[in-house]
């Protein structure tokens, strides 16, 4: 495995950190309190430096980055930007909308949507989860019935990231219920399509700057040309998308954990109790040491997943993606709690902006497949 970086990659990493520190996250405390705050202007700033189309080819306005380079950029974004919700929305846009269209879309579909997704003009989202299907992702009740005019979609989706602000949805529905998971198909549905209703934004525990809502389809008519891939390709499309998501979505968390470590060290050196800095107490220093070990171990699992993904030509590498996702999400929760513990009562106050990381981190054990689902994937790969 080759984990070294070129000078160009390191220069880009530095530029992302500088951009994020200068342009992003300065209003995150107020935005978090507002719950459904989302700024198109901020999104456009991210698009201007290539973050909303980083993995897309040059011909569509992207930078054609491989998995490892993308991970490095996302890691830099997490280090420089304190707004975990914004970063989560960018990840959802890339992995659940842009990449499936790139991999499975027709030339006409790619020409229609990818330039806008890369430029930030369009925001994408995937609509898979339903009220009665969570971890059992393929037991969908939303149906797409073929008519003379196209497909009529009926059903509902829930917990859809970016839904309140998205322009195009990758919607999964059953075109042949008798076939179960093999009867699922995917469709590209635009926001203004008659029969599609976007629900009100949810009030969430964390990631509040990443808007989320329900979707309702009431005989929503979609042209047959809007099908992504072929009938019955839905499971393959979702598996391709979720593997990218699991492999890359927590790259930014590695950067966030690095920043948490620096914050903890600085506070441990400045804060004094019993006549000396609290960092002199092993109860504090060992806690920070554990944070460091978790971050570096997670980084190695992340880079391994990226290396395997690039070696597979962007194909699915479920074992390595699941291991990275499982370990980093659990590490993020624990390190966020450790940072709060180091700061004591001050860390518990909203003004410290430390407790927000705890609230944001908890979601990482749920989205893109729960920690238990990741364990199931790993167990299956081990033949269990």
Protein backbone atom coordinates (compact mmCIF):
# COMPACT_ATOMS: atom_id res chain seq x y z
CA UNK A 1 0.00 0.00 0.00
CA UNK A 2 1.24 3.46 -0.92
CA UNK A 3 0.15 6.22 1.46
CA UNK A 4 2.64 8.92 0.49
CA UNK A 5 1.38 12.15 -1.07
CA UNK A 6 2.67 14.19 -3.98
CA UNK A 7 3.60 17.83 -3.54
CA UNK A 8 0.51 18.81 -5.56
CA UNK A 9 -1.77 16.79 -3.27
CA UNK A 10 -0.25 18.32 -0.15
CA UNK A 11 -0.51 21.81 -1.64
CA UNK A 12 -4.18 21.22 -2.38
CA UNK A 13 -4.71 19.95 1.17
CA UNK A 14 -3.18 23.15 2.52
CA UNK A 15 -5.35 25.27 0.23
CA UNK A 16 -8.52 23.50 1.43
CA UNK A 17 -7.55 24.09 5.07
CA UNK A 18 -6.88 27.77 4.40
CA UNK A 19 -10.17 28.15 2.52
CA UNK A 20 -12.16 26.38 5.23
CA UNK A 21 -10.64 28.41 8.05
CA UNK A 22 -11.16 31.67 6.22
CA UNK A 23 -14.58 31.16 4.64
CA UNK A 24 -16.51 28.47 6.50
CA UNK A 25 -18.04 27.78 9.89
CA UNK A 26 -17.76 31.20 11.51
CA UNK A 27 -21.52 31.33 12.15
CA UNK A 28 -21.92 27.67 13.05
CA UNK A 29 -23.11 28.25 16.64
CA UNK A 30 -25.95 30.51 15.52
CA UNK A 31 -26.69 28.29 12.53
CA UNK A 32 -26.86 25.23 14.77
CA UNK A 33 -29.29 27.01 17.08
CA UNK A 34 -31.48 27.93 14.09
CA UNK A 35 -31.66 24.19 13.22
CA UNK A 36 -32.75 24.45 9.57
CA UNK A 37 -30.18 27.03 8.50
CA UNK A 38 -28.64 26.39 5.08
CA UNK A 39 -26.72 28.92 3.01
CA UNK A 40 -26.60 28.65 -0.77
CA UNK A 41 -23.89 31.30 -0.74
CA UNK A 42 -21.70 29.08 1.42
CA UNK A 43 -22.46 26.13 -0.85
CA UNK A 44 -21.34 28.18 -3.85
CA UNK A 45 -18.11 29.07 -2.07
CA UNK A 46 -17.41 25.37 -1.63
CA UNK A 47 -18.26 24.74 -5.26
CA UNK A 48 -15.89 27.49 -6.40
CA UNK A 49 -12.92 25.59 -4.95
CA UNK A 50 -14.10 22.28 -6.40
CA UNK A 51 -15.53 20.56 -3.33
CA UNK A 52 -18.98 19.81 -4.77
CA UNK A 53 -17.62 18.01 -7.81
CA UNK A 54 -14.22 16.84 -6.69
CA UNK A 55 -14.57 13.25 -7.94
CA UNK A 56 -16.24 14.15 -11.26
CA UNK A 57 -14.21 14.22 -14.49
CA UNK A 58 -12.86 17.46 -15.94
CA UNK A 59 -15.37 17.35 -18.80
CA UNK A 60 -18.19 17.90 -16.30
CA UNK A 61 -16.43 20.61 -14.34
CA UNK A 62 -14.89 18.36 -11.69
CA UNK A 63 -11.30 17.58 -10.83
CA UNK A 64 -11.28 13.86 -11.57
CA UNK A 65 -9.81 12.99 -8.17
CA UNK A 66 -9.31 9.39 -7.10
CA UNK A 67 -10.54 8.05 -3.77
CA UNK A 68 -7.34 8.73 -1.82
CA UNK A 69 -7.00 12.31 -3.05
CA UNK A 70 -10.65 12.90 -2.27
CA UNK A 71 -10.13 11.56 1.24
CA UNK A 72 -7.19 13.89 1.73
CA UNK A 73 -9.30 16.87 0.64
CA UNK A 74 -12.20 15.90 2.90
CA UNK A 75 -9.82 15.36 5.79
CA UNK A 76 -8.52 18.89 5.23
CA UNK A 77 -12.08 20.23 5.08
CA UNK A 78 -12.91 18.60 8.42
CA UNK A 79 -9.77 20.02 9.98
CA UNK A 80 -10.36 23.56 8.77
CA UNK A 81 -14.16 23.80 9.03
CA UNK A 82 -16.10 23.42 12.29
CA UNK A 83 -19.44 23.06 10.51
CA UNK A 84 -19.94 19.29 10.50
CA UNK A 85 -23.41 19.64 8.99
CA UNK A 86 -22.21 21.50 5.91
CA UNK A 87 -19.52 18.87 5.34
CA UNK A 88 -22.09 16.10 5.74
CA UNK A 89 -24.30 17.72 3.10
CA UNK A 90 -21.39 17.96 0.67
CA UNK A 91 -20.63 14.27 1.20
CA UNK A 92 -24.26 13.28 0.67
CA UNK A 93 -24.36 15.34 -2.53
CA UNK A 94 -21.22 13.68 -3.90
CA UNK A 95 -21.69 10.04 -2.94
CA UNK A 96 -25.44 9.60 -3.15
CA UNK A 97 -26.20 11.74 -6.20
CA UNK A 98 -23.20 12.78 -8.31
CA UNK A 99 -21.34 9.45 -8.28
CA UNK A 100 -24.36 7.25 -9.14
CA UNK A 101 -25.18 9.50 -12.09
CA UNK A 102 -21.57 9.37 -13.24
CA UNK A 103 -21.42 5.58 -12.99
CA UNK A 104 -24.88 4.59 -14.21
CA UNK A 105 -26.25 7.59 -16.10
CA UNK A 106 -26.70 7.85 -19.85
CA UNK A 107 -24.60 10.40 -21.69
CA UNK A 108 -27.66 12.66 -21.85
CA UNK A 109 -28.26 12.33 -18.09
CA UNK A 110 -24.62 13.04 -17.29
CA UNK A 111 -24.58 16.07 -19.58
CA UNK A 112 -27.79 17.37 -18.01
CA UNK A 113 -26.91 17.02 -14.34
CA UNK A 114 -23.21 16.59 -13.65
CA UNK A 115 -22.02 20.09 -14.68
CA UNK A 116 -24.62 21.67 -12.40
CA UNK A 117 -23.80 19.34 -9.52
CA UNK A 118 -20.10 20.15 -9.90
CA UNK A 119 -20.62 23.91 -10.18
CA UNK A 120 -22.94 24.10 -7.17
CA UNK A 121 -25.85 25.26 -9.30
CA UNK A 122 -27.60 22.01 -8.44
CA UNK A 123 -27.73 20.17 -5.12
CA UNK A 124 -28.25 16.43 -5.24
CA UNK A 125 -29.64 13.88 -2.84
CA UNK A 126 -30.50 10.20 -2.66
CA UNK A 127 -33.95 9.06 -1.51
CA UNK A 128 -33.84 5.50 -0.21
CA UNK A 129 -34.97 5.31 3.44
CA UNK A 130 -38.69 4.96 4.13
CA UNK A 131 -40.77 5.15 7.32
CA UNK A 132 -40.93 1.34 7.53
CA UNK A 133 -37.47 0.54 6.14
CA UNK A 134 -34.26 1.59 7.83
CA UNK A 135 -31.44 -0.94 8.01
CA UNK A 136 -33.64 -3.27 5.92
CA UNK A 137 -32.99 -0.89 3.06
CA UNK A 138 -34.27 -2.98 0.16
CA UNK A 139 -37.76 -3.68 1.55
CA UNK A 140 -39.18 -0.59 -0.10
CA UNK A 141 -42.86 0.20 -0.38
CA UNK A 142 -42.51 3.08 -2.83
CA UNK A 143 -43.57 1.78 -6.24
CA UNK A 144 -42.98 2.98 -9.78
CA UNK A 145 -45.66 1.75 -12.17
CA UNK A 146 -45.02 1.88 -15.90
CA UNK A 147 -47.67 3.75 -17.92
CA UNK A 148 -47.88 4.97 -21.50
CA UNK A 149 -46.47 8.33 -20.34
CA UNK A 150 -43.66 7.05 -18.13
CA UNK A 151 -43.42 5.83 -14.55
CA UNK A 152 -45.80 6.90 -11.79
CA UNK A 153 -44.12 6.97 -8.39
CA UNK A 154 -46.22 6.51 -5.26
CA UNK A 155 -44.93 6.33 -1.71
CA UNK A 156 -42.84 8.28 0.77
CA UNK A 157 -39.25 8.67 1.93
CA UNK A 158 -37.91 9.91 5.24
CA UNK A 159 -34.68 11.17 6.83
CA UNK A 160 -33.53 12.45 3.44
CA UNK A 161 -30.40 14.57 3.78
CA UNK A 162 -30.44 17.78 1.70
CA UNK A 163 -34.09 17.22 0.73
CA UNK A 164 -35.30 20.71 1.79
CA UNK A 165 -32.76 22.36 -0.53
CA UNK A 166 -32.09 19.72 -3.21
CA UNK A 167 -32.77 20.23 -6.91
CA UNK A 168 -32.48 16.63 -8.11
CA UNK A 169 -33.28 13.40 -6.28
CA UNK A 170 -32.00 9.89 -6.97
CA UNK A 171 -35.15 8.04 -5.95
CA UNK A 172 -35.32 4.29 -5.40
CA UNK A 173 -38.63 2.53 -6.02
CA UNK A 174 -39.90 -0.94 -6.83
CA UNK A 175 -40.74 -1.55 -10.48
CA UNK A 176 -41.41 -5.24 -9.83
CA UNK A 177 -42.45 -5.99 -6.23
CA UNK A 178 -42.49 -9.74 -6.90
CA UNK A 179 -38.71 -9.70 -7.33
CA UNK A 180 -38.00 -8.01 -4.01
CA UNK A 181 -34.58 -6.34 -3.97
CA UNK A 182 -33.95 -7.41 -7.57
CA UNK A 183 -37.05 -5.48 -8.63
CA UNK A 184 -35.78 -2.08 -7.46
CA UNK A 185 -34.97 0.72 -9.88
CA UNK A 186 -33.63 4.26 -9.55
CA UNK A 187 -35.03 7.46 -11.03
CA UNK A 188 -33.83 11.04 -11.42
CA UNK A 189 -36.62 13.25 -10.14
CA UNK A 190 -36.40 17.04 -10.23
CA UNK A 191 -37.75 19.13 -7.41
CA UNK A 192 -40.54 20.79 -9.41
CA UNK A 193 -41.95 17.51 -10.75
CA UNK A 194 -45.75 17.42 -10.21
CA UNK A 195 -46.68 14.88 -7.57
CA UNK A 196 -43.51 15.37 -5.53
CA UNK A 197 -43.90 17.16 -2.19
CA UNK A 198 -40.96 18.01 0.04
CA UNK A 199 -41.81 17.92 3.73
CA UNK A 200 -40.84 20.40 6.42
CA UNK A 201 -37.27 20.22 7.76
CA UNK A 202 -36.81 17.92 10.74
CA UNK A 203 -35.55 19.18 14.09
CA UNK A 204 -32.48 17.08 14.81
CA UNK A 205 -30.15 16.43 17.74
CA UNK A 206 -27.07 17.20 15.66
CA UNK A 207 -25.84 18.01 12.16
CA UNK A 208 -28.41 20.78 12.25
CA UNK A 209 -26.85 22.75 9.40
CA UNK A 210 -27.51 19.78 7.11
CA UNK A 211 -31.23 20.02 6.33
CA UNK A 212 -33.33 16.85 6.32
CA UNK A 213 -36.97 16.11 5.58
CA UNK A 214 -39.50 13.68 4.16
CA UNK A 215 -40.51 13.25 0.52
CA UNK A 216 -44.00 12.33 -0.67
CA UNK A 217 -44.79 10.90 -4.10
CA UNK A 218 -48.43 11.03 -5.20
CA UNK A 219 -48.65 9.59 -8.72
CA UNK A 220 -45.47 11.51 -9.50
CA UNK A 221 -45.01 11.04 -13.25
CA UNK A 222 -41.42 10.62 -14.40
CA UNK A 223 -40.36 10.13 -18.02
CA UNK A 224 -38.91 6.71 -18.77
CA UNK A 225 -35.73 8.51 -19.84
CA UNK A 226 -35.27 9.58 -16.20
CA UNK A 227 -34.61 6.03 -15.06
CA UNK A 228 -31.02 5.72 -13.87
CA UNK A 229 -29.55 2.53 -15.27
CA UNK A 230 -31.91 -0.24 -16.30
CA UNK A 231 -35.02 -1.71 -14.65
CA UNK A 232 -33.91 -3.78 -11.67
CA UNK A 233 -30.54 -2.02 -11.34
CA UNK A 234 -31.55 -0.27 -8.12
CA UNK A 235 -29.71 -2.58 -5.74
CA UNK A 236 -26.48 -2.38 -7.76
CA UNK A 237 -26.73 1.41 -7.94
CA UNK A 238 -27.35 1.73 -4.22
CA UNK A 239 -24.52 -0.65 -3.32
CA UNK A 240 -22.10 1.30 -5.52
CA UNK A 241 -23.23 4.57 -3.95
CA UNK A 242 -23.20 3.40 -0.34
CA UNK A 243 -19.74 1.88 -0.71
CA UNK A 244 -18.32 5.23 -1.84
CA UNK A 245 -20.22 6.85 1.01
CA UNK A 246 -18.95 4.47 3.68
CA UNK A 247 -15.39 4.70 2.42
CA UNK A 248 -15.24 8.49 2.17
CA UNK A 249 -17.93 10.17 4.27
CA UNK A 250 -15.89 9.99 7.47
CA UNK A 251 -12.65 11.26 5.93
CA UNK A 252 -13.61 14.71 7.19
CA UNK A 253 -14.02 13.24 10.68
CA UNK A 254 -10.31 12.36 10.75
CA UNK A 255 -9.57 16.05 10.24
CA UNK A 256 -12.10 16.97 12.91
CA UNK A 257 -10.50 14.57 15.40
CA UNK A 258 -7.07 16.05 14.66
CA UNK A 259 -8.49 19.48 15.48
CA UNK A 260 -10.09 18.11 18.65
CA UNK A 261 -6.71 16.79 19.79
CA UNK A 262 -5.09 20.18 19.29
CA UNK A 263 -7.94 21.85 21.20
CA UNK A 264 -7.59 19.37 24.07
CA UNK A 265 -3.80 19.83 24.28
CA UNK A 266 -4.07 23.61 24.29
CA UNK A 267 -6.69 23.60 27.05
CA UNK A 268 -4.80 20.99 29.11
CA UNK A 269 -1.71 23.20 29.09
CA UNK A 270 -3.57 26.40 30.00
CA UNK A 271 -6.13 25.20 32.53
CA UNK A 272 -4.68 24.85 36.03
CA UNK A 273 -6.05 22.94 39.01
CA UNK A 274 -4.29 22.10 42.27
CA UNK A 275 -1.48 24.43 41.29
CA UNK A 276 -0.50 22.91 37.95
CA UNK A 277 -1.81 22.42 34.39
CA UNK A 278 -4.41 19.68 34.17
CA UNK A 279 -2.33 18.06 31.42
CA UNK A 280 0.13 17.02 34.14
CA UNK A 281 -2.49 14.65 35.50
CA UNK A 282 -2.45 11.24 33.84
CA UNK A 283 -6.24 11.07 33.94
CA UNK A 284 -6.22 13.95 31.45
CA UNK A 285 -3.09 13.22 29.43
CA UNK A 286 -4.01 9.56 28.91
CA UNK A 287 -7.43 10.60 27.67
CA UNK A 288 -5.78 12.81 25.04
CA UNK A 289 -3.37 10.01 24.15
CA UNK A 290 -6.34 7.74 23.45
CA UNK A 291 -7.78 10.44 21.18
CA UNK A 292 -4.52 10.50 19.21
CA UNK A 293 -4.36 6.71 18.86
CA UNK A 294 -7.95 6.58 17.63
CA UNK A 295 -7.38 9.31 15.06
CA UNK A 296 -4.27 7.71 13.60
CA UNK A 297 -5.74 4.21 13.59
CA UNK A 298 -8.83 5.54 11.84
CA UNK A 299 -6.65 7.33 9.31
CA UNK A 300 -4.90 4.08 8.39
CA UNK A 301 -8.21 2.24 7.93
CA UNK A 302 -9.47 5.15 5.83
CA UNK A 303 -6.42 5.22 3.58
CA UNK A 304 -6.54 1.44 3.22
CA UNK A 305 -10.15 1.68 2.04
CA UNK A 306 -9.16 4.41 -0.42
CA UNK A 307 -6.20 2.39 -1.69
CA UNK A 308 -8.39 -0.69 -2.19
CA UNK A 309 -11.06 1.39 -3.91
CA UNK A 310 -8.58 2.95 -6.33
CA UNK A 311 -7.08 -0.49 -6.99
CA UNK A 312 -10.58 -1.72 -7.83
CA UNK A 313 -11.10 1.13 -10.29
CA UNK A 314 -13.76 2.73 -8.12
CA UNK A 315 -15.57 -0.55 -7.58
CA UNK A 316 -17.06 -1.73 -4.31
CA UNK A 317 -14.75 -2.85 -1.49
CA UNK A 318 -17.32 -3.60 1.22
CA UNK A 319 -14.99 -5.10 3.82
CA UNK A 320 -12.57 -2.18 3.89
CA UNK A 321 -15.29 0.47 3.59
CA UNK A 322 -17.23 -1.11 6.45
CA UNK A 323 -14.17 -1.38 8.70
CA UNK A 324 -13.28 2.27 8.12
CA UNK A 325 -16.85 3.41 8.67
CA UNK A 326 -17.31 1.35 11.83
CA UNK A 327 -14.06 2.30 13.52
CA UNK A 328 -14.04 6.00 12.65
CA UNK A 329 -17.67 6.59 13.63
CA UNK A 330 -17.19 4.93 17.01
CA UNK A 331 -13.89 6.77 17.50
CA UNK A 332 -15.51 10.11 16.67
CA UNK A 333 -18.16 9.64 19.34
CA UNK A 334 -15.64 8.66 22.01
CA UNK A 335 -13.13 11.38 21.13
CA UNK A 336 -15.88 14.01 21.18
CA UNK A 337 -16.89 12.82 24.64
CA UNK A 338 -13.25 12.85 25.73
CA UNK A 339 -12.80 16.42 24.52
CA UNK A 340 -15.87 17.46 26.49
CA UNK A 341 -14.58 15.64 29.58
CA UNK A 342 -11.21 17.38 29.35
CA UNK A 343 -13.03 20.73 29.36
CA UNK A 344 -15.34 19.74 32.22
CA UNK A 345 -18.30 22.03 32.85
CA UNK A 346 -17.19 24.49 30.19
CA UNK A 347 -17.36 21.77 27.54
CA UNK A 348 -20.97 21.12 28.48
CA UNK A 349 -21.96 24.71 27.71
CA UNK A 350 -23.26 25.51 24.22
CA UNK A 351 -21.07 28.62 24.09
CA UNK A 352 -17.97 26.41 24.11
CA UNK A 353 -18.96 24.78 20.80
CA UNK A 354 -17.58 21.51 22.18
CA UNK A 355 -20.87 19.84 23.05
CA UNK A 356 -21.99 20.32 19.43
CA UNK A 357 -19.34 17.86 18.26
CA UNK A 358 -20.84 15.27 20.61
CA UNK A 359 -24.30 15.79 19.15
CA UNK A 360 -22.96 15.70 15.60
CA UNK A 361 -20.81 12.63 16.23
CA UNK A 362 -23.64 10.41 17.47
CA UNK A 363 -25.23 10.44 14.02
CA UNK A 364 -22.12 8.89 12.48
CA UNK A 365 -23.00 5.57 14.12
CA UNK A 366 -26.37 5.65 12.31
CA UNK A 367 -26.05 7.17 8.82
CA UNK A 368 -24.67 5.19 5.86
CA UNK A 369 -25.51 2.00 7.73
CA UNK A 370 -25.47 1.64 11.50
CA UNK A 371 -22.46 0.30 13.36
CA UNK A 372 -24.25 -3.04 13.71
CA UNK A 373 -24.82 -3.19 9.95
CA UNK A 374 -21.10 -2.58 9.42
CA UNK A 375 -20.34 -5.45 11.78
CA UNK A 376 -22.71 -7.66 9.77
CA UNK A 377 -20.87 -6.76 6.56
CA UNK A 378 -17.49 -7.52 8.14
CA UNK A 379 -18.76 -10.79 9.61
CA UNK A 380 -20.08 -11.84 6.20
CA UNK A 381 -16.71 -11.06 4.60
CA UNK A 382 -15.11 -13.30 7.23
CA UNK A 383 -17.43 -16.14 6.30
CA UNK A 384 -19.53 -15.89 9.44
